[in-house]
């Protein structure tokens, strides 16, 4: 994850601990997750969420 987002492993650990990160760092991590097939779902009254993008075979 860290290498895909071009951030340090410590930055990923800080994210996992719930610490505040710079917006550009959050954007880099989100971009890496989206490139790996994660889709972020906007909050619709029931809370935000994530799901995996379907592959062409699905």
N, C-alpha and C. Protein backbone atom coordinates (compact mmCIF):
# COMPACT_ATOMS: atom_id res chain seq x y z
N UNK A 1 0.83 -1.18 0.00
CA UNK A 1 0.00 0.00 0.00
C UNK A 1 0.87 1.25 0.00
N UNK A 2 1.84 1.29 0.88
CA UNK A 2 2.69 2.48 0.98
C UNK A 2 3.39 2.77 -0.34
N UNK A 3 3.96 1.75 -0.97
CA UNK A 3 4.67 1.99 -2.23
C UNK A 3 3.71 2.39 -3.33
N UNK A 4 2.52 1.80 -3.38
CA UNK A 4 1.54 2.16 -4.41
C UNK A 4 1.09 3.60 -4.26
N UNK A 5 0.98 4.08 -3.03
CA UNK A 5 0.55 5.46 -2.78
C UNK A 5 1.73 6.43 -2.73
N UNK A 6 2.94 5.88 -2.80
CA UNK A 6 4.16 6.69 -2.71
C UNK A 6 4.22 7.48 -1.39
N UNK A 7 3.89 6.77 -0.31
CA UNK A 7 4.01 7.33 1.03
C UNK A 7 4.82 6.34 1.87
N UNK A 8 5.23 6.75 3.04
CA UNK A 8 6.02 5.87 3.89
C UNK A 8 5.12 4.87 4.62
N UNK A 9 5.69 3.72 5.00
CA UNK A 9 4.92 2.77 5.80
C UNK A 9 4.42 3.40 7.11
N UNK A 10 5.19 4.32 7.67
CA UNK A 10 4.75 5.01 8.90
C UNK A 10 3.49 5.82 8.64
N UNK A 11 3.37 6.39 7.45
CA UNK A 11 2.17 7.15 7.11
C UNK A 11 0.95 6.23 7.09
N UNK A 12 1.11 5.04 6.54
CA UNK A 12 0.00 4.07 6.54
C UNK A 12 -0.36 3.69 7.98
N UNK A 13 0.65 3.50 8.81
CA UNK A 13 0.40 3.18 10.23
C UNK A 13 -0.34 4.32 10.91
N UNK A 14 0.02 5.57 10.59
CA UNK A 14 -0.68 6.71 11.17
C UNK A 14 -2.14 6.73 10.73
N UNK A 15 -2.39 6.42 9.47
CA UNK A 15 -3.77 6.34 8.96
C UNK A 15 -4.54 5.27 9.74
N UNK A 16 -3.93 4.11 9.92
CA UNK A 16 -4.59 3.00 10.62
C UNK A 16 -4.88 3.34 12.09
N UNK A 17 -4.06 4.20 12.67
CA UNK A 17 -4.29 4.63 14.06
C UNK A 17 -5.32 5.75 14.15
N UNK A 18 -5.76 6.24 13.01
CA UNK A 18 -6.77 7.29 13.00
C UNK A 18 -6.21 8.69 13.16
N UNK A 19 -4.91 8.84 12.96
CA UNK A 19 -4.30 10.15 13.07
C UNK A 19 -4.65 11.00 11.85
N UNK A 20 -4.57 12.30 12.01
CA UNK A 20 -4.85 13.23 10.92
C UNK A 20 -3.69 13.26 9.93
N UNK A 21 -4.01 13.16 8.65
CA UNK A 21 -3.01 13.22 7.59
C UNK A 21 -3.27 14.45 6.73
N UNK A 22 -2.24 14.88 6.02
CA UNK A 22 -2.41 15.99 5.07
C UNK A 22 -3.39 15.57 3.98
N UNK A 23 -4.21 16.49 3.50
CA UNK A 23 -5.16 16.16 2.43
C UNK A 23 -4.50 15.53 1.20
N UNK A 24 -3.32 16.01 0.81
CA UNK A 24 -2.66 15.44 -0.37
C UNK A 24 -2.23 13.99 -0.11
N UNK A 25 -1.93 13.67 1.15
CA UNK A 25 -1.56 12.30 1.50
C UNK A 25 -2.78 11.40 1.43
N UNK A 26 -3.90 11.87 1.94
CA UNK A 26 -5.16 11.11 1.86
C UNK A 26 -5.52 10.88 0.40
N UNK A 27 -5.35 11.91 -0.44
CA UNK A 27 -5.65 11.77 -1.87
C UNK A 27 -4.76 10.72 -2.52
N UNK A 28 -3.48 10.68 -2.15
CA UNK A 28 -2.56 9.69 -2.71
C UNK A 28 -2.96 8.28 -2.32
N UNK A 29 -3.34 8.09 -1.07
CA UNK A 29 -3.76 6.77 -0.59
C UNK A 29 -5.07 6.36 -1.26
N UNK A 30 -6.01 7.28 -1.34
CA UNK A 30 -7.28 6.99 -2.02
C UNK A 30 -7.04 6.62 -3.48
N UNK A 31 -6.17 7.35 -4.15
CA UNK A 31 -5.85 7.05 -5.54
C UNK A 31 -5.27 5.66 -5.71
N UNK A 32 -4.41 5.25 -4.79
CA UNK A 32 -3.82 3.91 -4.85
C UNK A 32 -4.89 2.85 -4.63
N UNK A 33 -5.80 3.09 -3.71
CA UNK A 33 -6.88 2.13 -3.46
C UNK A 33 -7.82 2.04 -4.67
N UNK A 34 -8.14 3.18 -5.27
CA UNK A 34 -9.01 3.18 -6.45
C UNK A 34 -8.33 2.46 -7.62
N UNK A 35 -7.02 2.65 -7.77
CA UNK A 35 -6.28 1.97 -8.83
C UNK A 35 -6.28 0.46 -8.61
N UNK A 36 -6.42 0.03 -7.36
CA UNK A 36 -6.45 -1.39 -7.02
C UNK A 36 -7.86 -1.98 -7.10
N UNK A 37 -8.85 -1.15 -7.49
CA UNK A 37 -10.20 -1.67 -7.67
C UNK A 37 -11.19 -1.35 -6.58
N UNK A 38 -10.84 -0.48 -5.67
CA UNK A 38 -11.76 -0.09 -4.60
C UNK A 38 -12.62 1.07 -5.08
N UNK A 39 -13.92 1.00 -4.85
CA UNK A 39 -14.84 2.08 -5.19
C UNK A 39 -15.35 2.65 -3.88
N UNK A 40 -15.24 3.96 -3.72
CA UNK A 40 -15.74 4.63 -2.52
C UNK A 40 -17.18 5.06 -2.77
N UNK A 41 -18.06 4.73 -1.83
CA UNK A 41 -19.48 5.02 -1.94
C UNK A 41 -19.78 6.21 -1.03
N UNK A 42 -20.43 7.21 -1.60
CA UNK A 42 -20.78 8.40 -0.83
C UNK A 42 -21.83 8.08 0.23
N UNK A 43 -21.83 8.86 1.28
CA UNK A 43 -22.82 8.68 2.34
C UNK A 43 -24.21 8.98 1.79
N UNK A 44 -25.16 8.10 2.09
CA UNK A 44 -26.53 8.28 1.59
C UNK A 44 -27.54 8.22 2.73
N UNK A 45 -27.13 8.63 3.90
CA UNK A 45 -28.01 8.55 5.05
C UNK A 45 -27.74 7.33 5.90
N UNK A 46 -27.07 6.33 5.32
CA UNK A 46 -26.72 5.13 6.07
C UNK A 46 -25.23 5.03 6.33
N UNK A 47 -24.49 6.04 5.92
CA UNK A 47 -23.05 6.04 6.12
C UNK A 47 -22.30 5.73 4.85
N UNK A 48 -21.05 6.17 4.77
CA UNK A 48 -20.22 5.91 3.60
C UNK A 48 -19.79 4.46 3.57
N UNK A 49 -19.25 4.02 2.44
CA UNK A 49 -18.80 2.64 2.34
C UNK A 49 -17.82 2.45 1.20
N UNK A 50 -17.39 1.22 1.02
CA UNK A 50 -16.51 0.85 -0.08
C UNK A 50 -16.98 -0.47 -0.67
N UNK A 51 -16.60 -0.71 -1.91
CA UNK A 51 -16.86 -2.01 -2.53
C UNK A 51 -15.76 -2.26 -3.55
N UNK A 52 -15.65 -3.50 -3.97
CA UNK A 52 -14.67 -3.87 -4.99
C UNK A 52 -15.29 -3.72 -6.37
N UNK A 53 -14.53 -3.17 -7.29
CA UNK A 53 -14.98 -3.05 -8.67
C UNK A 53 -15.05 -4.44 -9.29
N UNK A 54 -16.08 -4.69 -10.06
CA UNK A 54 -16.21 -5.98 -10.74
C UNK A 54 -15.18 -6.07 -11.86
N UNK A 55 -14.69 -7.27 -12.07
CA UNK A 55 -13.77 -7.49 -13.18
C UNK A 55 -14.57 -7.79 -14.44
N UNK A 56 -13.93 -7.79 -15.58
CA UNK A 56 -14.61 -8.05 -16.85
C UNK A 56 -15.24 -9.44 -16.86
N UNK A 57 -14.65 -10.40 -16.13
CA UNK A 57 -15.18 -11.77 -16.09
C UNK A 57 -16.44 -11.88 -15.26
N UNK A 58 -16.71 -10.89 -14.43
CA UNK A 58 -17.88 -10.95 -13.56
C UNK A 58 -19.02 -10.35 -14.30
